[in-house]
């Protein structure tokens, strides 16, 4: 069962020992997927998404007092803003410019927000009927936590096909597989993911 982020958020705001770290950890899978999707568009294999997420956590932990929201969607949006700035800094490093580009950061925030909405839609498409539990959570966080439990090849095919909406022939090319094997892999991955989402939504 995924951690109760709303409860952790309240405890973190109250200064409960260990709550801030536990709260951030509940968003690791979510931020990792968003970072992978954004880095994949720009920097390919130059950056490790997990490193970017860890840097985002460090900054969020250090500046937690600056967060003024009270609900999970607000906290998720705040984390996306920090993540966008971190990725923008890395893009600046790799393209060899020194000046901060505010417009690029703003565009990256828009991109990450769009990716988050794609996760939301992905979760809705996997549920026969949205549960009340899921309705109280940030939808994309629930899906990301379920995706993190899949084997790597299952997670990759879902991200490419379901979230990035690539055609099967391009998914096959990226994964080094035949179109037929990718289609079969996708069906198995979705079946496993639906099971995980159902468990999470009723947890």
N, C-alpha and C. Protein backbone atom coordinates (compact mmCIF):
# COMPACT_ATOMS: atom_id res chain seq x y z
N UNK A 1 0.86 -1.19 0.00
CA UNK A 1 0.00 0.00 0.00
C UNK A 1 0.89 1.24 0.00
N UNK A 2 0.63 2.21 -0.90
CA UNK A 2 1.45 3.42 -0.92
C UNK A 2 1.23 4.24 0.33
N UNK A 3 2.22 5.01 0.73
CA UNK A 3 2.08 5.82 1.93
C UNK A 3 0.94 6.82 1.78
N UNK A 4 0.31 7.15 2.90
CA UNK A 4 -0.75 8.16 2.91
C UNK A 4 -0.08 9.53 2.85
N UNK A 5 0.02 10.06 1.63
CA UNK A 5 0.76 11.29 1.43
C UNK A 5 0.13 12.48 2.15
N UNK A 6 -1.20 12.52 2.18
CA UNK A 6 -1.88 13.64 2.85
C UNK A 6 -1.53 13.66 4.33
N UNK A 7 -1.51 12.47 4.95
CA UNK A 7 -1.15 12.36 6.37
C UNK A 7 0.31 12.77 6.58
N UNK A 8 1.19 12.29 5.69
CA UNK A 8 2.61 12.64 5.80
C UNK A 8 2.82 14.14 5.61
N UNK A 9 2.04 14.73 4.71
CA UNK A 9 2.18 16.17 4.47
C UNK A 9 1.82 16.96 5.72
N UNK A 10 0.75 16.56 6.38
CA UNK A 10 0.36 17.24 7.63
C UNK A 10 1.45 17.09 8.69
N UNK A 11 1.98 15.87 8.81
CA UNK A 11 3.01 15.65 9.83
C UNK A 11 4.29 16.43 9.51
N UNK A 12 4.64 16.48 8.23
CA UNK A 12 5.84 17.21 7.84
C UNK A 12 5.69 18.70 8.14
N UNK A 13 4.52 19.23 7.89
CA UNK A 13 4.27 20.65 8.18
C UNK A 13 4.30 20.93 9.67
N UNK A 14 3.95 19.91 10.47
CA UNK A 14 3.98 20.07 11.92
C UNK A 14 5.37 19.82 12.50
N UNK A 15 6.30 19.40 11.65
CA UNK A 15 7.67 19.18 12.10
C UNK A 15 7.91 17.82 12.73
N UNK A 16 7.03 16.85 12.50
CA UNK A 16 7.23 15.51 13.05
C UNK A 16 8.52 14.91 12.51
N UNK A 17 9.32 14.35 13.40
CA UNK A 17 10.62 13.81 13.01
C UNK A 17 10.46 12.70 11.97
N UNK A 18 11.23 12.80 10.89
CA UNK A 18 11.23 11.78 9.86
C UNK A 18 10.11 11.91 8.84
N UNK A 19 9.11 12.75 9.11
CA UNK A 19 7.96 12.85 8.21
C UNK A 19 8.34 13.48 6.87
N UNK A 20 9.24 14.46 6.90
CA UNK A 20 9.59 15.14 5.66
C UNK A 20 10.27 14.19 4.69
N UNK A 21 11.21 13.39 5.20
CA UNK A 21 11.88 12.41 4.35
C UNK A 21 10.93 11.36 3.82
N UNK A 22 10.03 10.88 4.68
CA UNK A 22 9.06 9.87 4.26
C UNK A 22 8.10 10.44 3.22
N UNK A 23 7.73 11.70 3.39
CA UNK A 23 6.84 12.35 2.43
C UNK A 23 7.49 12.43 1.05
N UNK A 24 8.73 12.89 1.01
CA UNK A 24 9.42 12.99 -0.27
C UNK A 24 9.60 11.62 -0.91
N UNK A 25 9.91 10.63 -0.11
CA UNK A 25 10.12 9.28 -0.64
C UNK A 25 8.86 8.76 -1.33
N UNK A 26 7.69 9.18 -0.86
CA UNK A 26 6.43 8.74 -1.47
C UNK A 26 6.28 9.25 -2.90
N UNK A 27 7.07 10.27 -3.26
CA UNK A 27 6.99 10.84 -4.61
C UNK A 27 8.16 10.43 -5.50
N UNK A 28 9.01 9.53 -5.04
CA UNK A 28 10.19 9.16 -5.82
C UNK A 28 9.81 8.58 -7.18
N UNK A 29 8.91 7.61 -7.19
CA UNK A 29 8.54 6.97 -8.45
C UNK A 29 7.90 7.97 -9.41
N UNK A 30 7.07 8.85 -8.85
CA UNK A 30 6.38 9.86 -9.65
C UNK A 30 7.37 10.81 -10.32
N UNK A 31 8.30 11.35 -9.55
CA UNK A 31 9.28 12.28 -10.11
C UNK A 31 10.24 11.58 -11.06
N UNK A 32 10.56 10.32 -10.76
CA UNK A 32 11.47 9.57 -11.62
C UNK A 32 10.88 9.41 -13.02
N UNK A 33 9.59 9.09 -13.10
CA UNK A 33 8.95 8.93 -14.40
C UNK A 33 8.89 10.26 -15.15
N UNK A 34 8.51 11.33 -14.45
CA UNK A 34 8.45 12.64 -15.09
C UNK A 34 9.84 13.05 -15.59
N UNK A 35 10.87 12.81 -14.79
CA UNK A 35 12.23 13.17 -15.19
C UNK A 35 12.67 12.35 -16.40
N UNK A 36 12.36 11.07 -16.40
CA UNK A 36 12.73 10.22 -17.55
C UNK A 36 12.07 10.71 -18.83
N UNK A 37 10.81 11.07 -18.74
CA UNK A 37 10.09 11.51 -19.93
C UNK A 37 10.67 12.82 -20.46
N UNK A 38 11.02 13.73 -19.57
CA UNK A 38 11.56 15.02 -20.00
C UNK A 38 13.00 14.89 -20.47
N UNK A 39 13.82 14.14 -19.75
CA UNK A 39 15.22 13.96 -20.13
C UNK A 39 15.30 13.22 -21.46
N UNK A 40 14.42 12.27 -21.66
CA UNK A 40 14.43 11.51 -22.90
C UNK A 40 14.22 12.37 -24.12
N UNK A 41 13.50 13.47 -23.96
CA UNK A 41 13.26 14.38 -25.08
C UNK A 41 14.50 15.20 -25.41
N UNK A 42 15.32 15.46 -24.40
CA UNK A 42 16.37 16.46 -24.56
C UNK A 42 17.80 15.94 -24.48
N UNK A 43 18.04 15.07 -23.51
CA UNK A 43 19.43 14.73 -23.21
C UNK A 43 19.76 13.25 -23.34
N UNK A 44 18.75 12.46 -23.73
CA UNK A 44 18.95 11.04 -23.96
C UNK A 44 19.65 10.38 -22.78
N UNK A 45 20.85 9.85 -23.01
CA UNK A 45 21.53 9.07 -21.97
C UNK A 45 22.56 9.88 -21.18
N UNK A 46 22.58 11.19 -21.33
CA UNK A 46 23.60 11.99 -20.66
C UNK A 46 23.34 12.15 -19.17
N UNK A 47 22.09 12.01 -18.76
CA UNK A 47 21.72 12.29 -17.38
C UNK A 47 20.98 11.10 -16.80
N UNK A 48 21.27 10.77 -15.55
CA UNK A 48 20.56 9.73 -14.83
C UNK A 48 19.37 10.38 -14.11
N UNK A 49 18.17 9.93 -14.46
CA UNK A 49 16.97 10.52 -13.86
C UNK A 49 16.98 10.42 -12.34
N UNK A 50 17.49 9.31 -11.82
CA UNK A 50 17.49 9.13 -10.36
C UNK A 50 18.36 10.17 -9.67
N UNK A 51 19.44 10.59 -10.33
CA UNK A 51 20.29 11.64 -9.76
C UNK A 51 19.54 12.98 -9.70
N UNK A 52 18.79 13.26 -10.76
CA UNK A 52 18.02 14.51 -10.81
C UNK A 52 16.95 14.51 -9.71
N UNK A 53 16.31 13.36 -9.53
CA UNK A 53 15.28 13.25 -8.49
C UNK A 53 15.89 13.45 -7.12
N UNK A 54 17.07 12.87 -6.90
CA UNK A 54 17.73 13.02 -5.60
C UNK A 54 18.08 14.48 -5.34
N UNK A 55 18.54 15.18 -6.35
CA UNK A 55 18.84 16.60 -6.19
C UNK A 55 17.57 17.40 -5.90
N UNK A 56 16.48 16.99 -6.55
CA UNK A 56 15.19 17.64 -6.30
C UNK A 56 14.76 17.44 -4.85
N UNK A 57 14.95 16.22 -4.34
CA UNK A 57 14.62 15.92 -2.95
C UNK A 57 15.44 16.77 -1.99
N UNK A 58 16.73 16.88 -2.26
CA UNK A 58 17.60 17.65 -1.38
C UNK A 58 17.16 19.11 -1.32
N UNK A 59 16.82 19.67 -2.49
CA UNK A 59 16.38 21.07 -2.51
C UNK A 59 15.02 21.22 -1.83
N UNK A 60 14.11 20.26 -2.07
CA UNK A 60 12.79 20.34 -1.45
C UNK A 60 12.88 20.20 0.07
N UNK A 61 13.77 19.33 0.53
CA UNK A 61 13.97 19.15 1.97
C UNK A 61 14.52 20.43 2.60
N UNK A 62 15.47 21.01 1.89
CA UNK A 62 16.13 22.23 2.41
C UNK A 62 15.18 23.42 2.43
N UNK A 63 14.29 23.48 1.44
CA UNK A 63 13.41 24.65 1.30
C UNK A 63 11.95 24.33 1.62
N UNK A 64 11.73 23.29 2.41
CA UNK A 64 10.36 22.86 2.69
C UNK A 64 9.53 23.97 3.34
N UNK A 65 10.18 24.82 4.10
CA UNK A 65 9.47 25.92 4.74
C UNK A 65 8.86 26.91 3.76
N UNK A 66 9.34 26.88 2.50
CA UNK A 66 8.80 27.79 1.49
C UNK A 66 7.49 27.28 0.89
N UNK A 67 7.17 25.99 1.14
CA UNK A 67 5.93 25.45 0.59
C UNK A 67 4.76 25.96 1.42
N UNK A 68 3.79 26.56 0.75
CA UNK A 68 2.68 27.20 1.45
C UNK A 68 1.35 26.47 1.26
N UNK A 69 1.34 25.41 0.44
CA UNK A 69 0.09 24.70 0.20
C UNK A 69 -0.27 23.75 1.33
N UNK A 70 -1.45 23.15 1.20
CA UNK A 70 -1.91 22.22 2.23
C UNK A 70 -2.37 20.88 1.65
N UNK A 71 -2.55 20.80 0.33
CA UNK A 71 -3.09 19.59 -0.29
C UNK A 71 -2.03 18.89 -1.13
N UNK A 72 -2.24 17.60 -1.36
CA UNK A 72 -1.26 16.82 -2.11
C UNK A 72 -1.04 17.33 -3.53
N UNK A 73 -2.09 17.68 -4.29
CA UNK A 73 -1.83 18.21 -5.64
C UNK A 73 -0.94 19.45 -5.64
N UNK A 74 -1.10 20.30 -4.61
CA UNK A 74 -0.25 21.49 -4.50
C UNK A 74 1.20 21.10 -4.25
N UNK A 75 1.39 20.09 -3.41
CA UNK A 75 2.75 19.64 -3.12
C UNK A 75 3.39 19.01 -4.34
N UNK A 76 2.62 18.22 -5.08
CA UNK A 76 3.13 17.60 -6.30
C UNK A 76 3.53 18.68 -7.31
N UNK A 77 2.73 19.73 -7.42
CA UNK A 77 3.05 20.83 -8.34
C UNK A 77 4.32 21.55 -7.90
N UNK A 78 4.49 21.73 -6.59
CA UNK A 78 5.70 22.37 -6.06
C UNK A 78 6.93 21.54 -6.38
N UNK A 79 6.83 20.23 -6.24
CA UNK A 79 7.96 19.35 -6.58
C UNK A 79 8.27 19.40 -8.07
N UNK A 80 7.23 19.47 -8.90
CA UNK A 80 7.45 19.56 -10.35
C UNK A 80 8.19 20.85 -10.70
N UNK A 81 7.88 21.92 -9.98
CA UNK A 81 8.55 23.21 -10.22
C UNK A 81 10.04 23.09 -9.91
N UNK A 82 10.37 22.44 -8.81
CA UNK A 82 11.79 22.25 -8.44
C UNK A 82 12.47 21.34 -9.46
N UNK A 83 11.78 20.28 -9.85
CA UNK A 83 12.34 19.34 -10.83
C UNK A 83 12.62 20.06 -12.15
N UNK A 84 11.69 20.91 -12.58
CA UNK A 84 11.87 21.65 -13.83
C UNK A 84 13.12 22.51 -13.78
N UNK A 85 13.35 23.17 -12.65
CA UNK A 85 14.54 24.02 -12.50
C UNK A 85 15.81 23.19 -12.55
N UNK A 86 15.78 22.01 -11.91
CA UNK A 86 16.97 21.15 -11.92
C UNK A 86 17.30 20.67 -13.33
N UNK A 87 16.28 20.22 -14.06
CA UNK A 87 16.52 19.74 -15.42
C UNK A 87 16.97 20.89 -16.31
N UNK A 88 16.37 22.05 -16.13
CA UNK A 88 16.76 23.22 -16.92
C UNK A 88 18.23 23.56 -16.71
N UNK A 89 18.70 23.45 -15.46
CA UNK A 89 20.11 23.71 -15.17
C UNK A 89 21.01 22.73 -15.91
N UNK A 90 20.58 21.47 -15.97
CA UNK A 90 21.38 20.45 -16.65
C UNK A 90 21.38 20.68 -18.16
N UNK A 91 20.24 21.08 -18.71
CA UNK A 91 20.18 21.39 -20.13
C UNK A 91 21.13 22.54 -20.44
N UNK A 92 21.12 23.56 -19.58
CA UNK A 92 22.01 24.70 -19.75
C UNK A 92 23.47 24.27 -19.74
N UNK A 93 23.78 23.34 -18.84
CA UNK A 93 25.15 22.83 -18.75
C UNK A 93 25.57 22.12 -20.03
N UNK A 94 24.68 21.28 -20.55
CA UNK A 94 25.05 20.47 -21.70
C UNK A 94 25.02 21.23 -23.02
N UNK A 95 24.25 22.32 -23.08
CA UNK A 95 24.27 23.11 -24.31
C UNK A 95 25.30 24.23 -24.24
N UNK A 96 25.97 24.34 -23.07
CA UNK A 96 27.10 25.25 -22.96
C UNK A 96 26.77 26.70 -22.74
N UNK A 97 25.60 26.98 -22.16
CA UNK A 97 25.27 28.37 -21.85
C UNK A 97 25.31 28.58 -20.35
N UNK A 98 25.64 29.79 -19.95
CA UNK A 98 25.78 30.10 -18.53
C UNK A 98 24.56 30.80 -17.95
N UNK A 99 23.92 31.61 -18.77
CA UNK A 99 22.81 32.43 -18.27
C UNK A 99 21.58 31.56 -17.99
N UNK A 100 20.91 31.89 -16.91
CA UNK A 100 19.66 31.21 -16.59
C UNK A 100 18.58 31.64 -17.59
N UNK A 101 17.83 30.68 -18.09
CA UNK A 101 16.78 30.95 -19.05
C UNK A 101 15.43 30.69 -18.38
N UNK A 102 14.79 31.77 -17.91
CA UNK A 102 13.54 31.64 -17.18
C UNK A 102 12.45 31.06 -18.08
N UNK A 103 12.44 31.48 -19.35
CA UNK A 103 11.42 30.97 -20.27
C UNK A 103 11.55 29.46 -20.46
N UNK A 104 12.79 28.97 -20.51
CA UNK A 104 12.99 27.54 -20.66
C UNK A 104 12.49 26.80 -19.41
N UNK A 105 12.75 27.37 -18.25
CA UNK A 105 12.26 26.75 -17.01
C UNK A 105 10.74 26.72 -17.00
N UNK A 106 10.12 27.82 -17.44
CA UNK A 106 8.66 27.87 -17.47
C UNK A 106 8.10 26.84 -18.45
N UNK A 107 8.76 26.70 -19.61
CA UNK A 107 8.31 25.71 -20.59
C UNK A 107 8.47 24.30 -20.04
N UNK A 108 9.56 24.09 -19.29
CA UNK A 108 9.77 22.77 -18.73
C UNK A 108 8.73 22.46 -17.66
N UNK A 109 8.33 23.46 -16.89
CA UNK A 109 7.24 23.26 -15.92
C UNK A 109 5.96 22.86 -16.64
N UNK A 110 5.70 23.51 -17.78
CA UNK A 110 4.51 23.17 -18.58
C UNK A 110 4.62 21.73 -19.08
N UNK A 111 5.80 21.36 -19.57
CA UNK A 111 6.01 20.00 -20.07
C UNK A 111 5.78 18.96 -18.97
N UNK A 112 6.34 19.22 -17.79
CA UNK A 112 6.19 18.28 -16.68
C UNK A 112 4.74 18.20 -16.23
N UNK A 113 4.05 19.33 -16.26
CA UNK A 113 2.63 19.34 -15.90
C UNK A 113 1.82 18.51 -16.91
N UNK A 114 2.18 18.63 -18.18
CA UNK A 114 1.50 17.85 -19.21
C UNK A 114 1.78 16.35 -19.02
N UNK A 115 3.03 16.02 -18.68
CA UNK A 115 3.37 14.62 -18.43
C UNK A 115 2.61 14.08 -17.23
N UNK A 116 2.44 14.93 -16.21
CA UNK A 116 1.69 14.52 -15.03
C UNK A 116 0.23 14.25 -15.40
N UNK A 117 -0.33 15.09 -16.26
CA UNK A 117 -1.71 14.87 -16.70
C UNK A 117 -1.83 13.59 -17.52
N UNK A 118 -0.77 13.26 -18.28
CA UNK A 118 -0.77 12.00 -19.02
C UNK A 118 -0.80 10.82 -18.06
N UNK A 119 -0.10 10.94 -16.93
CA UNK A 119 -0.15 9.90 -15.91
C UNK A 119 -1.57 9.81 -15.33
N UNK A 120 -2.18 10.96 -15.09
CA UNK A 120 -3.56 10.97 -14.59
C UNK A 120 -4.49 10.22 -15.54
N UNK A 121 -4.39 10.56 -16.82
CA UNK A 121 -5.25 9.91 -17.81
C UNK A 121 -4.94 8.42 -17.89
N UNK A 122 -3.66 8.09 -17.76
CA UNK A 122 -3.28 6.69 -17.81
C UNK A 122 -3.91 5.89 -16.68
N UNK A 123 -3.98 6.49 -15.49
CA UNK A 123 -4.60 5.80 -14.37
C UNK A 123 -6.10 5.64 -14.60
N UNK A 124 -6.74 6.69 -15.08
CA UNK A 124 -8.18 6.63 -15.32
C UNK A 124 -8.51 5.55 -16.35
N UNK A 125 -7.67 5.39 -17.37
CA UNK A 125 -7.93 4.41 -18.41
C UNK A 125 -7.79 2.98 -17.90
N UNK A 126 -7.08 2.81 -16.79
CA UNK A 126 -6.86 1.47 -16.23
C UNK A 126 -7.93 1.08 -15.22
N UNK A 127 -8.75 2.04 -14.82
CA UNK A 127 -9.75 1.79 -13.79
C UNK A 127 -11.13 1.69 -14.41
N UNK A 128 -11.86 0.66 -14.04
CA UNK A 128 -13.24 0.54 -14.51
C UNK A 128 -14.07 1.67 -13.92
N UNK A 129 -13.91 1.92 -12.63
CA UNK A 129 -14.58 3.03 -11.96
C UNK A 129 -13.59 3.64 -10.97
N UNK A 130 -13.36 4.93 -11.06
CA UNK A 130 -12.42 5.57 -10.12
C UNK A 130 -12.88 5.37 -8.68
N UNK A 131 -11.96 4.98 -7.81
CA UNK A 131 -12.33 4.76 -6.41
C UNK A 131 -12.25 6.07 -5.64
N UNK A 132 -12.94 6.12 -4.51
CA UNK A 132 -12.89 7.32 -3.67
C UNK A 132 -11.49 7.54 -3.15
N UNK A 133 -10.80 6.43 -2.86
CA UNK A 133 -9.42 6.55 -2.36
C UNK A 133 -8.55 7.23 -3.40
N UNK A 134 -8.66 6.77 -4.65
CA UNK A 134 -7.84 7.35 -5.72
C UNK A 134 -8.20 8.81 -5.95
N UNK A 135 -9.48 9.13 -5.78
CA UNK A 135 -9.93 10.51 -6.01
C UNK A 135 -9.30 11.47 -5.02
N UNK A 136 -8.93 10.96 -3.85
CA UNK A 136 -8.32 11.83 -2.82
C UNK A 136 -6.81 11.98 -3.06
N UNK A 137 -6.26 11.14 -3.90
CA UNK A 137 -4.82 11.18 -4.16
C UNK A 137 -4.52 11.89 -5.47
N UNK A 138 -3.30 12.32 -5.63
CA UNK A 138 -2.84 12.80 -6.93
C UNK A 138 -2.75 11.57 -7.83
N UNK A 139 -3.57 11.56 -8.87
CA UNK A 139 -3.71 10.36 -9.70
C UNK A 139 -2.37 9.87 -10.26
N UNK A 140 -1.57 10.80 -10.77
CA UNK A 140 -0.30 10.42 -11.37
C UNK A 140 0.65 9.76 -10.38
N UNK A 141 0.56 10.16 -9.11
CA UNK A 141 1.42 9.56 -8.08
C UNK A 141 1.06 8.09 -7.89
N UNK A 142 -0.25 7.81 -7.87
CA UNK A 142 -0.69 6.42 -7.73
C UNK A 142 -0.20 5.55 -8.87
N UNK A 143 -0.33 6.07 -10.11
CA UNK A 143 0.10 5.28 -11.26
C UNK A 143 1.61 5.08 -11.24
N UNK A 144 2.34 6.12 -10.89
CA UNK A 144 3.81 6.01 -10.86
C UNK A 144 4.25 4.97 -9.84
N UNK A 145 3.58 4.92 -8.68
CA UNK A 145 3.94 3.94 -7.67
C UNK A 145 3.65 2.52 -8.16
N UNK A 146 2.56 2.36 -8.93
CA UNK A 146 2.26 1.05 -9.50
C UNK A 146 3.27 0.69 -10.58
N UNK A 147 3.63 1.65 -11.42
CA UNK A 147 4.62 1.40 -12.47
C UNK A 147 5.96 0.98 -11.89
N UNK A 148 6.32 1.57 -10.77
CA UNK A 148 7.62 1.27 -10.14
C UNK A 148 7.72 -0.19 -9.70
N UNK A 149 6.57 -0.84 -9.53
CA UNK A 149 6.56 -2.24 -9.10
C UNK A 149 6.66 -3.22 -10.27
N UNK A 150 6.58 -2.70 -11.50
CA UNK A 150 6.65 -3.57 -12.68
C UNK A 150 8.10 -3.91 -13.02
N UNK A 151 8.33 -5.04 -13.69
CA UNK A 151 9.67 -5.31 -14.24
C UNK A 151 10.05 -4.21 -15.22
N UNK A 152 11.33 -3.99 -15.40
CA UNK A 152 11.82 -2.86 -16.20
C UNK A 152 11.24 -2.87 -17.62
N UNK A 153 11.19 -4.03 -18.27
CA UNK A 153 10.70 -4.05 -19.65
C UNK A 153 9.20 -3.74 -19.71
N UNK A 154 8.45 -4.16 -18.71
CA UNK A 154 7.03 -3.82 -18.65
C UNK A 154 6.86 -2.32 -18.47
N UNK A 155 7.64 -1.76 -17.55
CA UNK A 155 7.54 -0.32 -17.28
C UNK A 155 7.90 0.48 -18.54
N UNK A 156 8.93 0.05 -19.24
CA UNK A 156 9.37 0.78 -20.43
C UNK A 156 8.32 0.76 -21.53
N UNK A 157 7.72 -0.40 -21.77
CA UNK A 157 6.73 -0.47 -22.85
C UNK A 157 5.48 0.34 -22.51
N UNK A 158 5.09 0.38 -21.25
CA UNK A 158 3.94 1.19 -20.84
C UNK A 158 4.25 2.68 -21.00
N UNK A 159 5.44 3.09 -20.59
CA UNK A 159 5.80 4.50 -20.70
C UNK A 159 5.85 4.95 -22.16
N UNK A 160 6.42 4.12 -23.01
CA UNK A 160 6.55 4.50 -24.41
C UNK A 160 5.22 4.48 -25.14
N UNK A 161 4.46 3.41 -24.92
CA UNK A 161 3.22 3.24 -25.66
C UNK A 161 2.04 3.98 -25.01
N UNK A 162 1.87 3.80 -23.72
CA UNK A 162 0.69 4.32 -23.03
C UNK A 162 0.83 5.80 -22.67
N UNK A 163 2.01 6.19 -22.22
CA UNK A 163 2.19 7.55 -21.74
C UNK A 163 2.71 8.49 -22.82
N UNK A 164 3.71 8.04 -23.59
CA UNK A 164 4.23 8.90 -24.65
C UNK A 164 3.48 8.70 -25.97
N UNK A 165 2.59 7.69 -25.99
CA UNK A 165 1.70 7.45 -27.12
C UNK A 165 2.44 7.26 -28.44
N UNK A 166 3.57 6.55 -28.37
CA UNK A 166 4.33 6.23 -29.58
C UNK A 166 3.70 5.05 -30.30
N UNK A 167 3.78 5.00 -31.62
CA UNK A 167 3.27 3.84 -32.36
C UNK A 167 4.11 2.61 -32.05
N UNK A 168 3.51 1.44 -32.24
CA UNK A 168 4.20 0.20 -31.88
C UNK A 168 5.52 0.03 -32.62
N UNK A 169 5.59 0.46 -33.88
CA UNK A 169 6.84 0.28 -34.62
C UNK A 169 7.98 1.09 -34.01
N UNK A 170 7.66 2.29 -33.49
CA UNK A 170 8.70 3.10 -32.86
C UNK A 170 9.08 2.53 -31.49
N UNK A 171 8.08 2.04 -30.75
CA UNK A 171 8.36 1.38 -29.47
C UNK A 171 9.29 0.19 -29.69
N UNK A 172 8.99 -0.59 -30.71
CA UNK A 172 9.80 -1.77 -31.02
C UNK A 172 11.24 -1.37 -31.35
N UNK A 173 11.39 -0.29 -32.10
CA UNK A 173 12.72 0.18 -32.47
C UNK A 173 13.50 0.62 -31.24
N UNK A 174 12.85 1.35 -30.35
CA UNK A 174 13.53 1.85 -29.15
C UNK A 174 13.92 0.70 -28.21
N UNK A 175 13.08 -0.34 -28.18
CA UNK A 175 13.33 -1.45 -27.26
C UNK A 175 14.15 -2.57 -27.89
N UNK A 176 14.45 -2.44 -29.20
CA UNK A 176 15.23 -3.47 -29.88
C UNK A 176 14.49 -4.79 -30.00
N UNK A 177 13.18 -4.70 -30.23
CA UNK A 177 12.33 -5.89 -30.33
C UNK A 177 11.53 -5.84 -31.63
N UNK A 178 10.86 -6.96 -31.93
CA UNK A 178 9.93 -6.96 -33.06
C UNK A 178 8.63 -6.32 -32.63
N UNK A 179 7.86 -5.85 -33.60
CA UNK A 179 6.57 -5.24 -33.31
C UNK A 179 5.65 -6.25 -32.62
N UNK A 180 5.65 -7.48 -33.10
CA UNK A 180 4.80 -8.52 -32.51
C UNK A 180 5.14 -8.76 -31.04
N UNK A 181 6.42 -8.85 -30.73
CA UNK A 181 6.81 -9.12 -29.34
C UNK A 181 6.48 -7.94 -28.44
N UNK A 182 6.59 -6.72 -28.97
CA UNK A 182 6.26 -5.52 -28.19
C UNK A 182 4.76 -5.47 -27.91
N UNK A 183 3.95 -5.82 -28.88
CA UNK A 183 2.50 -5.83 -28.68
C UNK A 183 2.10 -6.82 -27.59
N UNK A 184 2.70 -8.01 -27.63
CA UNK A 184 2.40 -9.02 -26.62
C UNK A 184 2.90 -8.57 -25.24
N UNK A 185 4.08 -7.96 -25.20
CA UNK A 185 4.64 -7.46 -23.95
C UNK A 185 3.73 -6.38 -23.37
N UNK A 186 3.22 -5.51 -24.22
CA UNK A 186 2.34 -4.41 -23.80
C UNK A 186 1.06 -4.95 -23.16
N UNK A 187 0.48 -5.98 -23.78
CA UNK A 187 -0.75 -6.57 -23.24
C UNK A 187 -0.49 -7.15 -21.85
N UNK A 188 0.62 -7.87 -21.71
CA UNK A 188 0.96 -8.46 -20.39
C UNK A 188 1.24 -7.37 -19.36
N UNK A 189 1.95 -6.32 -19.78
CA UNK A 189 2.29 -5.23 -18.86
C UNK A 189 1.03 -4.51 -18.38
N UNK A 190 0.09 -4.26 -19.28
CA UNK A 190 -1.15 -3.58 -18.88
C UNK A 190 -1.96 -4.43 -17.92
N UNK A 191 -1.99 -5.73 -18.16
CA UNK A 191 -2.74 -6.62 -17.27
C UNK A 191 -2.15 -6.58 -15.86
N UNK A 192 -0.82 -6.63 -15.78
CA UNK A 192 -0.15 -6.56 -14.47
C UNK A 192 -0.39 -5.19 -13.82
N UNK A 193 -0.33 -4.14 -14.63
CA UNK A 193 -0.49 -2.79 -14.09
C UNK A 193 -1.91 -2.59 -13.58
N UNK A 194 -2.89 -3.08 -14.30
CA UNK A 194 -4.28 -2.95 -13.84
C UNK A 194 -4.47 -3.61 -12.48
N UNK A 195 -3.84 -4.76 -12.31
CA UNK A 195 -3.94 -5.47 -11.03
C UNK A 195 -3.32 -4.64 -9.91
N UNK A 196 -2.16 -4.05 -10.16
CA UNK A 196 -1.48 -3.23 -9.15
C UNK A 196 -2.27 -1.97 -8.81
N UNK A 197 -2.84 -1.35 -9.86
CA UNK A 197 -3.63 -0.14 -9.65
C UNK A 197 -4.88 -0.45 -8.84
N UNK A 198 -5.51 -1.57 -9.12
CA UNK A 198 -6.70 -1.96 -8.39
C UNK A 198 -6.38 -2.15 -6.91
N UNK A 199 -5.25 -2.82 -6.62
CA UNK A 199 -4.84 -3.01 -5.24
C UNK A 199 -4.57 -1.67 -4.55
N UNK A 200 -3.88 -0.76 -5.27
CA UNK A 200 -3.53 0.54 -4.68
C UNK A 200 -4.77 1.38 -4.43
N UNK A 201 -5.73 1.32 -5.36
CA UNK A 201 -6.92 2.15 -5.24
C UNK A 201 -7.84 1.70 -4.12
N UNK A 202 -7.74 0.42 -3.76
CA UNK A 202 -8.60 -0.09 -2.70
C UNK A 202 -7.85 -0.25 -1.38
N UNK A 203 -6.57 0.23 -1.39
CA UNK A 203 -5.76 0.10 -0.19
C UNK A 203 -6.11 1.13 0.86
